[in-house]
C-alpha atoms as a PDB file:
ATOM      1  CA  MET A   1     -13.941  22.736  47.660  1.00  0.00           C
ATOM      2  CA  VAL A   2     -13.151  24.419  44.328  1.00  0.00           C
ATOM      3  CA  GLN A   3      -9.785  22.668  44.241  1.00  0.00           C
ATOM      4  CA  THR A   4     -11.425  19.296  44.941  1.00  0.00           C
ATOM      5  CA  SER A   5     -14.005  19.829  42.165  1.00  0.00           C
ATOM      6  CA  ALA A   6     -11.293  20.769  39.678  1.00  0.00           C
ATOM      7  CA  ARG A   7      -9.331  17.657  40.605  1.00  0.00           C
ATOM      8  CA  LEU A   8     -12.473  15.563  40.152  1.00  0.00           C
ATOM      9  CA  LEU A   9     -12.909  16.877  36.611  1.00  0.00           C
ATOM     10  CA  ARG A  10      -9.234  16.234  35.931  1.00  0.00           C
ATOM     11  CA  LEU A  11      -9.603  12.655  37.192  1.00  0.00           C
ATOM     12  CA  LEU A  12     -12.647  12.095  34.985  1.00  0.00           C
ATOM     13  CA  SER A  13     -10.793  13.496  31.965  1.00  0.00           C
ATOM     14  CA  LEU A  14      -7.881  11.127  32.581  1.00  0.00           C
ATOM     15  CA  LEU A  15     -10.181   8.111  32.890  1.00  0.00           C
ATOM     16  CA  GLN A  16     -11.764   9.015  29.546  1.00  0.00           C
ATOM     17  CA  GLN A  17      -8.398   9.250  27.803  1.00  0.00           C
ATOM     18  CA  ARG A  18      -7.234   5.697  28.481  1.00  0.00           C
ATOM     19  CA  ARG A  19      -8.909   2.343  28.956  1.00  0.00           C
ATOM     20  CA  PHE A  20      -7.064   1.568  32.214  1.00  0.00           C
ATOM     21  CA  TRP A  21      -5.057   3.555  34.767  1.00  0.00           C
ATOM     22  CA  GLY A  22      -2.954   2.181  37.578  1.00  0.00           C
ATOM     23  CA  GLY A  23      -3.698   3.708  40.981  1.00  0.00           C
ATOM     24  CA  ALA A  24      -0.139   4.929  41.398  1.00  0.00           C
ATOM     25  CA  GLU A  25      -0.201   6.470  37.907  1.00  0.00           C
ATOM     26  CA  LEU A  26      -3.327   8.481  38.699  1.00  0.00           C
ATOM     27  CA  ALA A  27      -1.862   9.656  41.993  1.00  0.00           C
ATOM     28  CA  ARG A  28       1.245  10.928  40.175  1.00  0.00           C
ATOM     29  CA  GLU A  29      -0.786  12.656  37.463  1.00  0.00           C
ATOM     30  CA  LEU A  30      -3.030  14.380  40.023  1.00  0.00           C
ATOM     31  CA  GLU A  31      -0.172  15.000  42.478  1.00  0.00           C
ATOM     32  CA  VAL A  32      -2.136  13.503  45.370  1.00  0.00           C
ATOM     33  CA  THR A  33      -1.964  10.381  47.515  1.00  0.00           C
ATOM     34  CA  GLY A  34      -3.486   7.025  46.649  1.00  0.00           C
ATOM     35  CA  ARG A  35      -6.035   7.584  49.391  1.00  0.00           C
ATOM     36  CA  SER A  36      -7.181  10.847  47.732  1.00  0.00           C
ATOM     37  CA  VAL A  37      -7.577   9.009  44.425  1.00  0.00           C
ATOM     38  CA  ARG A  38      -9.814   6.412  46.124  1.00  0.00           C
ATOM     39  CA  ARG A  39     -11.943   9.163  47.694  1.00  0.00           C
ATOM     40  CA  ASP A  40     -12.310  10.978  44.358  1.00  0.00           C
ATOM     41  CA  VAL A  41     -13.301   7.739  42.644  1.00  0.00           C
ATOM     42  CA  GLU A  42     -16.058   7.267  45.234  1.00  0.00           C
ATOM     43  CA  ARG A  43     -17.290  10.811  44.550  1.00  0.00           C
ATOM     44  CA  LEU A  44     -17.449  10.064  40.825  1.00  0.00           C
ATOM     45  CA  ARG A  45     -19.463   6.931  41.537  1.00  0.00           C
ATOM     46  CA  SER A  46     -21.911   8.928  43.656  1.00  0.00           C
ATOM     47  CA  LEU A  47     -22.429  11.218  40.639  1.00  0.00           C
ATOM     48  CA  GLY A  48     -23.331   8.270  38.428  1.00  0.00           C
ATOM     49  CA  TYR A  49     -20.008   7.479  36.760  1.00  0.00           C
ATOM     50  CA  PRO A  50     -19.353   3.692  36.735  1.00  0.00           C
ATOM     51  CA  VAL A  51     -15.680   3.513  37.723  1.00  0.00           C
ATOM     52  CA  HIS A  52     -14.440  -0.081  38.083  1.00  0.00           C
ATOM     53  CA  ALA A  53     -11.527  -0.843  40.393  1.00  0.00           C
ATOM     54  CA  THR A  54      -9.177  -3.828  40.640  1.00  0.00           C
ATOM     55  CA  ALA A  55      -7.088  -4.498  43.740  1.00  0.00           C
ATOM     56  CA  GLY A  56      -3.617  -5.933  44.243  1.00  0.00           C
ATOM     57  CA  VAL A  57      -0.385  -5.603  42.299  1.00  0.00           C
ATOM     58  CA  GLY A  58      -1.152  -4.047  38.938  1.00  0.00           C
ATOM     59  CA  GLY A  59      -4.561  -2.870  40.177  1.00  0.00           C
ATOM     60  CA  GLY A  60      -6.168   0.333  39.033  1.00  0.00           C
ATOM     61  CA  TYR A  61      -9.257   2.011  37.649  1.00  0.00           C
ATOM     62  CA  GLN A  62     -11.342   1.861  34.493  1.00  0.00           C
ATOM     63  CA  LEU A  63     -14.326   3.945  33.398  1.00  0.00           C
ATOM     64  CA  GLY A  64     -17.188   1.667  32.384  1.00  0.00           C
ATOM     65  CA  ALA A  65     -20.469   2.191  30.566  1.00  0.00           C
ATOM     66  CA  GLY A  66     -23.527   2.986  32.670  1.00  0.00           C
ATOM     67  CA  LYS A  67     -27.279   2.738  32.154  1.00  0.00           C
ATOM     68  CA  GLU A  68     -27.608   6.522  31.945  1.00  0.00           C
ATOM     69  CA  LEU A  69     -25.335   9.261  30.654  1.00  0.00           C
ATOM     70  CA  PRO A  70     -23.813  11.308  33.467  1.00  0.00           C
ATOM     71  CA  PRO A  71     -22.512  14.842  32.779  1.00  0.00           C
ATOM     72  CA  LEU A  72     -19.587  14.915  30.331  1.00  0.00           C
ATOM     73  CA  PRO A  73     -16.781  17.448  30.840  1.00  0.00           C
ATOM     74  CA  LEU A  74     -15.870  18.928  27.434  1.00  0.00           C
ATOM     75  CA  ASP A  75     -13.213  21.487  26.632  1.00  0.00           C
ATOM     76  CA  ASP A  76     -13.936  24.315  24.165  1.00  0.00           C
ATOM     77  CA  ASP A  77     -12.829  22.477  21.030  1.00  0.00           C
ATOM     78  CA  GLU A  78     -14.711  19.304  22.006  1.00  0.00           C
ATOM     79  CA  ALA A  79     -17.928  21.252  22.726  1.00  0.00           C
ATOM     80  CA  VAL A  80     -17.770  23.039  19.358  1.00  0.00           C
ATOM     81  CA  ALA A  81     -17.039  19.755  17.561  1.00  0.00           C
ATOM     82  CA  VAL A  82     -20.083  18.096  19.160  1.00  0.00           C
ATOM     83  CA  ALA A  83     -22.336  21.055  18.329  1.00  0.00           C
ATOM     84  CA  VAL A  84     -21.173  21.180  14.695  1.00  0.00           C
ATOM     85  CA  GLY A  85     -21.727  17.420  14.391  1.00  0.00           C
ATOM     86  CA  LEU A  86     -25.263  17.746  15.760  1.00  0.00           C
ATOM     87  CA  ARG A  87     -26.072  20.543  13.326  1.00  0.00           C
ATOM     88  CA  ALA A  88     -24.838  18.391  10.443  1.00  0.00           C
ATOM     89  CA  ALA A  89     -26.940  15.439  11.669  1.00  0.00           C
ATOM     90  CA  MET A  90     -30.070  17.633  11.648  1.00  0.00           C
ATOM     91  CA  THR A  91     -29.888  17.817   7.840  1.00  0.00           C
ATOM     92  CA  GLY A  92     -27.662  14.820   7.183  1.00  0.00           C
ATOM     93  CA  PRO A  93     -28.251  11.694   5.082  1.00  0.00           C
ATOM     94  CA  VAL A  94     -29.409   9.460   7.988  1.00  0.00           C
ATOM     95  CA  ALA A  95     -33.169   9.447   8.593  1.00  0.00           C
ATOM     96  CA  GLY A  96     -34.498   9.545  12.143  1.00  0.00           C
ATOM     97  CA  LEU A  97     -31.672  11.593  13.667  1.00  0.00           C
ATOM     98  CA  GLU A  98     -33.180  15.026  13.034  1.00  0.00           C
ATOM     99  CA  SER A  99     -35.389  15.404  16.110  1.00  0.00           C
ATOM    100  CA  ALA A 100     -32.908  13.757  18.470  1.00  0.00           C
ATOM    101  CA  SER A 101     -30.135  16.038  17.154  1.00  0.00           C
ATOM    102  CA  ILE A 102     -32.286  19.135  17.649  1.00  0.00           C
ATOM    103  CA  ARG A 103     -33.076  18.157  21.246  1.00  0.00           C
ATOM    104  CA  ALA A 104     -29.448  17.359  22.054  1.00  0.00           C
ATOM    105  CA  LEU A 105     -28.199  20.581  20.468  1.00  0.00           C
ATOM    106  CA  GLY A 106     -30.738  22.619  22.442  1.00  0.00           C
ATOM    107  CA  LYS A 107     -29.498  21.099  25.705  1.00  0.00           C
ATOM    108  CA  LEU A 108     -25.866  21.676  24.783  1.00  0.00           C
ATOM    109  CA  GLU A 109     -26.334  25.320  23.762  1.00  0.00           C
ATOM    110  CA  LYS A 110     -28.013  26.129  27.100  1.00  0.00           C
ATOM    111  CA  VAL A 111     -24.886  25.205  29.047  1.00  0.00           C
ATOM    112  CA  LEU A 112     -22.254  26.550  26.651  1.00  0.00           C
ATOM    113  CA  PRO A 113     -20.252  29.609  27.740  1.00  0.00           C
ATOM    114  CA  LYS A 114     -21.242  32.853  26.022  1.00  0.00           C
ATOM    115  CA  ARG A 115     -18.059  32.946  23.925  1.00  0.00           C
ATOM    116  CA  LEU A 116     -18.848  29.531  22.404  1.00  0.00           C
ATOM    117  CA  ARG A 117     -22.521  30.349  21.829  1.00  0.00           C
ATOM    118  CA  LYS A 118     -21.429  33.395  19.790  1.00  0.00           C
ATOM    119  CA  ARG A 119     -19.065  31.254  17.727  1.00  0.00           C
ATOM    120  CA  LEU A 120     -21.767  28.694  16.939  1.00  0.00           C
ATOM    121  CA  SER A 121     -24.309  31.413  16.215  1.00  0.00           C
ATOM    122  CA  ALA A 122     -21.985  32.910  13.612  1.00  0.00           C
ATOM    123  CA  LEU A 123     -21.470  29.483  12.031  1.00  0.00           C
ATOM    124  CA  ASN A 124     -25.240  28.931  11.841  1.00  0.00           C
ATOM    125  CA  GLU A 125     -25.913  32.361  10.301  1.00  0.00           C
ATOM    126  CA  VAL A 126     -23.453  32.035   7.421  1.00  0.00           C
ATOM    127  CA  SER A 127     -23.849  28.302   6.643  1.00  0.00           C
ATOM    128  CA  VAL A 128     -26.002  27.264   3.670  1.00  0.00           C
ATOM    129  CA  ARG A 129     -26.954  23.708   2.778  1.00  0.00           C
ATOM    130  CA  MET A 130     -26.473  22.778  -0.874  1.00  0.00           C
ATOM    131  CA  ALA A 131     -29.613  21.679  -2.686  1.00  0.00           C
ATOM    132  CA  GLY A 132     -29.986  18.243  -4.186  1.00  0.00           C
ATOM    133  CA  GLY A 133     -28.379  16.217  -1.432  1.00  0.00           C
ATOM    134  CA  ALA A 134     -28.288  12.440  -1.182  1.00  0.00           C
ATOM    135  CA  ARG A 135     -31.266  10.210  -0.503  1.00  0.00           C
ATOM    136  CA  LEU A 136     -31.886   9.559   3.179  1.00  0.00           C
ATOM    137  CA  VAL A 137     -30.604   6.360   4.758  1.00  0.00           C
ATOM    138  CA  SER A 138     -32.625   4.560   7.432  1.00  0.00           C
ATOM    139  CA  GLY A 139     -30.915   4.854  10.797  1.00  0.00           C
ATOM    140  CA  GLU A 140     -32.303   1.441  11.747  1.00  0.00           C
ATOM    141  CA  ALA A 141     -30.869  -0.146   8.601  1.00  0.00           C
ATOM    142  CA  LEU A 142     -27.502   1.541   9.128  1.00  0.00           C
ATOM    143  CA  GLY A 143     -27.349   0.273  12.710  1.00  0.00           C
ATOM    144  CA  ALA A 144     -28.270  -3.280  11.680  1.00  0.00           C
ATOM    145  CA  ILE A 145     -25.557  -3.308   9.007  1.00  0.00           C
ATOM    146  CA  ALA A 146     -22.956  -1.964  11.429  1.00  0.00           C
ATOM    147  CA  GLU A 147     -23.776  -4.679  13.984  1.00  0.00           C
ATOM    148  CA  ALA A 148     -23.573  -7.386  11.311  1.00  0.00           C
ATOM    149  CA  CYS A 149     -20.139  -6.109  10.214  1.00  0.00           C
ATOM    150  CA  ARG A 150     -18.919  -6.125  13.794  1.00  0.00           C
ATOM    151  CA  ASP A 151     -20.383  -9.529  14.706  1.00  0.00           C
ATOM    152  CA  GLN A 152     -19.523 -11.198  11.361  1.00  0.00           C
ATOM    153  CA  ARG A 153     -23.133 -12.107  10.587  1.00  0.00           C
ATOM    154  CA  GLY A 154     -24.349 -12.496   7.019  1.00  0.00           C
ATOM    155  CA  LEU A 155     -27.061 -10.263   5.550  1.00  0.00           C
ATOM    156  CA  SER A 156     -29.703 -10.602   2.858  1.00  0.00           C
ATOM    157  CA  PHE A 157     -31.656  -7.728   1.337  1.00  0.00           C
ATOM    158  CA  GLY A 158     -33.422  -6.427  -1.733  1.00  0.00           C
ATOM    159  CA  TYR A 159     -31.196  -4.091  -3.727  1.00  0.00           C
ATOM    160  CA  GLY A 160     -32.087  -1.758  -6.585  1.00  0.00           C
ATOM    161  CA  GLY A 161     -33.706   1.661  -6.802  1.00  0.00           C
ATOM    162  CA  LEU A 162     -33.302   4.606  -9.175  1.00  0.00           C
ATOM    163  CA  GLY A 163     -35.035   2.791 -12.024  1.00  0.00           C
ATOM    164  CA  ARG A 164     -33.118  -0.460 -11.577  1.00  0.00           C
ATOM    165  CA  GLU A 165     -34.866  -3.793 -11.160  1.00  0.00           C
ATOM    166  CA  GLN A 166     -34.595  -4.996  -7.562  1.00  0.00           C
ATOM    167  CA  THR A 167     -32.536  -8.120  -6.936  1.00  0.00           C
ATOM    168  CA  GLU A 168     -32.106 -10.244  -3.825  1.00  0.00           C
ATOM    169  CA  ARG A 169     -28.572 -10.265  -2.421  1.00  0.00           C
ATOM    170  CA  ALA A 170     -26.907 -12.488   0.169  1.00  0.00           C
ATOM    171  CA  VAL A 171     -23.629 -11.045   1.414  1.00  0.00           C
ATOM    172  CA  GLU A 172     -20.922 -11.136   4.040  1.00  0.00           C
ATOM    173  CA  PRO A 173     -20.731  -7.510   5.286  1.00  0.00           C
ATOM    174  CA  TYR A 174     -17.333  -6.105   6.255  1.00  0.00           C
ATOM    175  CA  ARG A 175     -17.156  -2.302   6.351  1.00  0.00           C
ATOM    176  CA  LEU A 176     -19.364   0.785   6.143  1.00  0.00           C
ATOM    177  CA  VAL A 177     -17.775   3.651   4.201  1.00  0.00           C
ATOM    178  CA  HIS A 178     -19.184   7.150   3.843  1.00  0.00           C
ATOM    179  CA  ASP A 179     -18.343  10.410   2.128  1.00  0.00           C
ATOM    180  CA  ASN A 180     -20.145  13.736   2.475  1.00  0.00           C
ATOM    181  CA  TYR A 181     -23.204  12.478   0.635  1.00  0.00           C
ATOM    182  CA  ARG A 182     -23.711   8.722   0.834  1.00  0.00           C
ATOM    183  CA  TRP A 183     -23.099   5.560   2.861  1.00  0.00           C
ATOM    184  CA  TYR A 184     -21.643   2.476   1.153  1.00  0.00           C
ATOM    185  CA  LEU A 185     -21.360  -1.142   2.287  1.00  0.00           C
ATOM    186  CA  LEU A 186     -18.301  -3.157   1.302  1.00  0.00           C
ATOM    187  CA  ALA A 187     -19.358  -6.813   1.264  1.00  0.00           C
ATOM    188  CA  PHE A 188     -18.577 -10.149  -0.356  1.00  0.00           C
ATOM    189  CA  ASP A 189     -21.478 -11.104  -2.633  1.00  0.00           C
ATOM    190  CA  LEU A 190     -22.049 -14.844  -2.096  1.00  0.00           C
ATOM    191  CA  ASP A 191     -24.061 -15.413  -5.293  1.00  0.00           C
ATOM    192  CA  ARG A 192     -21.598 -13.605  -7.547  1.00  0.00           C
ATOM    193  CA  GLY A 193     -18.519 -14.788  -5.699  1.00  0.00           C
ATOM    194  CA  GLU A 194     -16.791 -11.397  -5.609  1.00  0.00           C
ATOM    195  CA  TRP A 195     -16.392  -8.193  -3.610  1.00  0.00           C
ATOM    196  CA  ARG A 196     -19.111  -5.625  -4.230  1.00  0.00           C
ATOM    197  CA  THR A 197     -19.856  -2.077  -3.054  1.00  0.00           C
ATOM    198  CA  PHE A 198     -23.524  -1.349  -2.252  1.00  0.00           C
ATOM    199  CA  ARG A 199     -25.154   2.027  -1.758  1.00  0.00           C
ATOM    200  CA  VAL A 200     -27.000   1.783   1.550  1.00  0.00           C
ATOM    201  CA  ASP A 201     -29.810   4.091   0.372  1.00  0.00           C
ATOM    202  CA  ARG A 202     -30.629   1.506  -2.339  1.00  0.00           C
ATOM    203  CA  ILE A 203     -31.042  -1.319   0.188  1.00  0.00           C
ATOM    204  CA  GLU A 204     -34.722  -2.093   0.700  1.00  0.00           C
ATOM    205  CA  GLY A 205     -35.815  -1.797   4.348  1.00  0.00           C
ATOM    206  CA  VAL A 206     -33.780  -3.318   7.161  1.00  0.00           C
ATOM    207  CA  PRO A 207     -31.496  -6.170   6.013  1.00  0.00           C
ATOM    208  CA  ARG A 208     -32.239  -9.663   7.348  1.00  0.00           C
ATOM    209  CA  VAL A 209     -29.525 -11.209   9.518  1.00  0.00           C
ATOM    210  CA  ARG A 210     -28.110 -14.583   8.462  1.00  0.00           C
ATOM    211  CA  ALA A 211     -25.681 -17.083   9.963  1.00  0.00           C
ATOM    212  CA  SER A 212     -22.181 -16.178  11.148  1.00  0.00           C
ATOM    213  CA  PHE A 213     -19.259 -16.379   8.718  1.00  0.00           C
ATOM    214  CA  ARG A 214     -15.494 -16.660   8.900  1.00  0.00           C
ATOM    215  CA  ALA A 215     -13.863 -13.400   7.873  1.00  0.00           C
ATOM    216  CA  ARG A 216     -12.023 -13.261   4.532  1.00  0.00           C
ATOM    217  CA  PRO A 217      -8.934 -11.103   3.900  1.00  0.00           C
ATOM    218  CA  LEU A 218     -10.094  -7.647   2.819  1.00  0.00           C
ATOM    219  CA  PRO A 219      -9.566  -6.803  -0.873  1.00  0.00           C
ATOM    220  CA  ALA A 220      -7.275  -3.877   0.017  1.00  0.00           C
ATOM    221  CA  ALA A 221      -5.414  -2.498   3.004  1.00  0.00           C
ATOM    222  CA  ASP A 222      -7.048   0.911   2.499  1.00  0.00           C
ATOM    223  CA  VAL A 223     -10.766   0.129   2.334  1.00  0.00           C
ATOM    224  CA  GLY A 224     -11.767   3.760   1.842  1.00  0.00           C
ATOM    225  CA  GLN A 225      -9.551   4.075  -1.212  1.00  0.00           C
ATOM    226  CA  TYR A 226     -10.797   0.734  -2.567  1.00  0.00           C
ATOM    227  CA  VAL A 227     -14.459   1.793  -2.302  1.00  0.00           C
ATOM    228  CA  SER A 228     -13.656   5.188  -3.806  1.00  0.00           C
ATOM    229  CA  GLY A 229     -12.138   3.463  -6.827  1.00  0.00           C
ATOM    230  CA  ALA A 230     -15.095   1.085  -7.131  1.00  0.00           C
ATOM    231  CA  ILE A 231     -17.575   3.966  -7.060  1.00  0.00           C
ATOM    232  CA  ALA A 232     -15.629   5.862  -9.722  1.00  0.00           C
ATOM    233  CA  GLY A 233     -15.622   2.752 -11.910  1.00  0.00           C
ATOM    234  CA  LEU A 234     -19.423   2.606 -11.949  1.00  0.00           C
ATOM    235  CA  LYS A 235     -19.622   5.878 -13.859  1.00  0.00           C
ATOM    236  CA  GLN A 236     -16.500   6.020 -16.013  1.00  0.00           C
ATOM    237  CA  LYS A 237     -15.803   4.771 -19.547  1.00  0.00           C
ATOM    238  CA  TYR A 238     -12.172   3.615 -19.285  1.00  0.00           C
ATOM    239  CA  ARG A 239     -10.495   1.299 -16.795  1.00  0.00           C
ATOM    240  CA  VAL A 240      -6.897   2.402 -16.300  1.00  0.00           C
ATOM    241  CA  ARG A 241      -3.987   0.212 -15.177  1.00  0.00           C
ATOM    242  CA  VAL A 242      -0.439   1.524 -14.969  1.00  0.00           C
ATOM    243  CA  THR A 243       2.750   0.700 -13.074  1.00  0.00           C
ATOM    244  CA  LEU A 244       4.192   3.559 -11.036  1.00  0.00           C
ATOM    245  CA  HIS A 245       7.949   3.229 -10.604  1.00  0.00           C
ATOM    246  CA  ALA A 246       7.945   4.404  -6.997  1.00  0.00           C
ATOM    247  CA  PRO A 247       7.376   2.825  -3.551  1.00  0.00           C
ATOM    248  CA  LEU A 248       3.763   2.417  -2.425  1.00  0.00           C
ATOM    249  CA  GLU A 249       4.012   5.055   0.324  1.00  0.00           C
ATOM    250  CA  VAL A 250       5.370   7.623  -2.130  1.00  0.00           C
ATOM    251  CA  ALA A 251       2.525   6.912  -4.568  1.00  0.00           C
ATOM    252  CA  ARG A 252      -0.050   7.219  -1.793  1.00  0.00           C
ATOM    253  CA  ALA A 253       1.304  10.610  -0.794  1.00  0.00           C
ATOM    254  CA  ARG A 254       1.163  11.820  -4.416  1.00  0.00           C
ATOM    255  CA  THR A 255      -2.384  10.578  -5.130  1.00  0.00           C
ATOM    256  CA  ARG A 256      -3.657  12.142  -1.855  1.00  0.00           C
ATOM    257  CA  GLY A 257      -6.661   9.874  -1.419  1.00  0.00           C
ATOM    258  CA  GLY A 258      -7.938  10.272  -4.993  1.00  0.00           C
ATOM    259  CA  PRO A 259     -10.277   7.723  -6.652  1.00  0.00           C
ATOM    260  CA  VAL A 260      -7.518   5.185  -7.352  1.00  0.00           C
ATOM    261  CA  GLN A 261      -6.406   1.821  -6.042  1.00  0.00           C
ATOM    262  CA  LEU A 262      -2.730   1.194  -5.311  1.00  0.00           C
ATOM    263  CA  THR A 263      -1.111  -2.235  -4.922  1.00  0.00           C
ATOM    264  CA  ALA A 264       2.558  -2.792  -4.117  1.00  0.00           C
ATOM    265  CA  LEU A 265       4.442  -4.849  -6.720  1.00  0.00           C
ATOM    266  CA  ASP A 266       7.818  -4.714  -4.985  1.00  0.00           C
ATOM    267  CA  ALA A 267       9.793  -2.307  -2.829  1.00  0.00           C
ATOM    268  CA  GLN A 268      10.253   0.181  -5.686  1.00  0.00           C
ATOM    269  CA  SER A 269       7.039  -0.031  -7.724  1.00  0.00           C
ATOM    270  CA  CYS A 270       3.264  -0.341  -7.415  1.00  0.00           C
ATOM    271  CA  GLU A 271       0.232  -0.780  -9.640  1.00  0.00           C
ATOM    272  CA  LEU A 272      -2.349   1.976  -9.997  1.00  0.00           C
ATOM    273  CA  THR A 273      -5.878   1.222 -11.197  1.00  0.00           C
ATOM    274  CA  SER A 274      -8.556   3.833 -11.748  1.00  0.00           C
ATOM    275  CA  HIS A 275     -11.279   4.927 -14.131  1.00  0.00           C
ATOM    276  CA  GLY A 276     -12.074   7.940 -16.277  1.00  0.00           C
ATOM    277  CA  ASP A 277     -14.031   9.301 -19.210  1.00  0.00           C
ATOM    278  CA  SER A 278     -11.405  11.542 -20.813  1.00  0.00           C
ATOM    279  CA  LEU A 279      -8.139  10.006 -21.999  1.00  0.00           C
ATOM    280  CA  GLU A 280      -6.484  13.432 -22.035  1.00  0.00           C
ATOM    281  CA  TRP A 281      -7.395  14.126 -18.411  1.00  0.00           C
ATOM    282  CA  ILE A 282      -6.246  10.641 -17.396  1.00  0.00           C
ATOM    283  CA  CYS A 283      -2.857  11.377 -18.984  1.00  0.00           C
ATOM    284  CA  PHE A 284      -2.588  14.728 -17.240  1.00  0.00           C
ATOM    285  CA  GLY A 285      -3.608  13.198 -13.900  1.00  0.00           C
ATOM    286  CA  ILE A 286      -0.921  10.516 -14.105  1.00  0.00           C
ATOM    287  CA  GLY A 287       1.636  13.015 -15.366  1.00  0.00           C
ATOM    288  CA  PHE A 288       0.964  15.414 -12.471  1.00  0.00           C
ATOM    289  CA  LEU A 289       2.037  12.706 -10.012  1.00  0.00           C
ATOM    290  CA  GLY A 290       5.624  13.453 -10.996  1.00  0.00           C
ATOM    291  CA  LEU A 291       6.551   9.750 -11.160  1.00  0.00           C
ATOM    292  CA  ASP A 292       7.851   7.506 -13.930  1.00  0.00           C
ATOM    293  CA  PHE A 293       5.179   5.092 -15.113  1.00  0.00           C
ATOM    294  CA  THR A 294       4.355   2.359 -17.618  1.00  0.00           C
ATOM    295  CA  VAL A 295       0.883   2.164 -19.200  1.00  0.00           C
ATOM    296  CA  HIS A 296      -0.776  -1.259 -19.499  1.00  0.00           C
ATOM    297  CA  GLU A 297      -4.414  -0.598 -20.345  1.00  0.00           C
ATOM    298  CA  PRO A 298      -6.612   0.443 -21.981  1.00  0.00           C
ATOM    299  CA  PRO A 299      -5.005   0.380 -25.455  1.00  0.00           C
ATOM    300  CA  GLU A 300      -6.583   3.772 -26.160  1.00  0.00           C
ATOM    301  CA  LEU A 301      -4.591   5.251 -23.278  1.00  0.00           C
ATOM    302  CA  VAL A 302      -1.326   3.862 -24.675  1.00  0.00           C
ATOM    303  CA  ALA A 303      -2.074   5.599 -27.985  1.00  0.00           C
ATOM    304  CA  GLU A 304      -3.056   8.841 -26.216  1.00  0.00           C
ATOM    305  CA  VAL A 305       0.194   8.922 -24.210  1.00  0.00           C
ATOM    306  CA  LYS A 306       2.169   8.485 -27.443  1.00  0.00           C
ATOM    307  CA  ARG A 307       0.174  11.280 -29.126  1.00  0.00           C
ATOM    308  CA  LEU A 308       0.711  13.706 -26.250  1.00  0.00           C
ATOM    309  CA  ALA A 309       4.388  12.758 -25.987  1.00  0.00           C
ATOM    310  CA  GLY A 310       4.811  13.655 -29.655  1.00  0.00           C
ATOM    311  CA  ARG A 311       3.034  16.986 -29.151  1.00  0.00           C
ATOM    312  CA  PHE A 312       5.277  17.917 -26.210  1.00  0.00           C
ATOM    313  CA  ALA A 313       8.379  16.795 -28.088  1.00  0.00           C
ATOM    314  CA  ARG A 314       7.460  18.985 -31.066  1.00  0.00           C
ATOM    315  CA  ALA A 315       6.925  21.937 -28.726  1.00  0.00           C
ATOM    316  CA  THR A 316      10.595  21.865 -27.720  1.00  0.00           C
ATOM    317  CA  ARG A 317      12.018  21.928 -31.259  1.00  0.00           C
END
């Protein structure tokens, strides 16, 4: 019986790893016959797991979505990851998740082995939340935006906040991007005819759904990097544009996800755009990349590079 139960958990784990398994594949993985696989599948169904089967050549099994959540087998790392995520959601930037996260975490901690409960207890005791976090985002609004992005449905909403006059926006939503503090919506603004990044916590209420649209090419291959650069540009004084004399992949590895946008020019060079307040720090940042470069704008940066180059040259005399 113990062996059968262990095999059942193994079967469930396999079905969760891939969208579709052939019957013969599962039998080989479990080291049993096809008949044993069919019996185990029936046992899973009796426990509430919706396992779909297809017959014939190329037939197999697929784990579907059910009306209720059956028990989920988690290994140690997965259980800790879920618990840490629930703790973060309890004080996170999305409104409405606090109570549900507390209930779910309470249920999870009751069934965790003692060794994992001790690990999570230690994490809870020494963790401190930093004051002055981001404004809360409506979970309902976030869900509505996500569905519109997925289904390619337009949105309209009031946008403003933090002392700014509210304006009505009509957009084509494409991606939700988040960092540790805020959620952002990358969308094409129909009235302004350009790509814009919107802070979700400044969207008034739940956005109104509009008609479907045909998807446009995204403004960058790396959307996260594009939004990061757009956010930085809202606060900084100078817009920087330089050519890096290195392949795009090399430049990406050197910038390490910083607030820049990279665009390939050819196989051996790419354009970097970014923003900053201090010309000296911009120069140091580009210099630390360890790549040859050509400065295009702003003019103040060209002059600052020349000034620093002269200082370094004099230091070697």
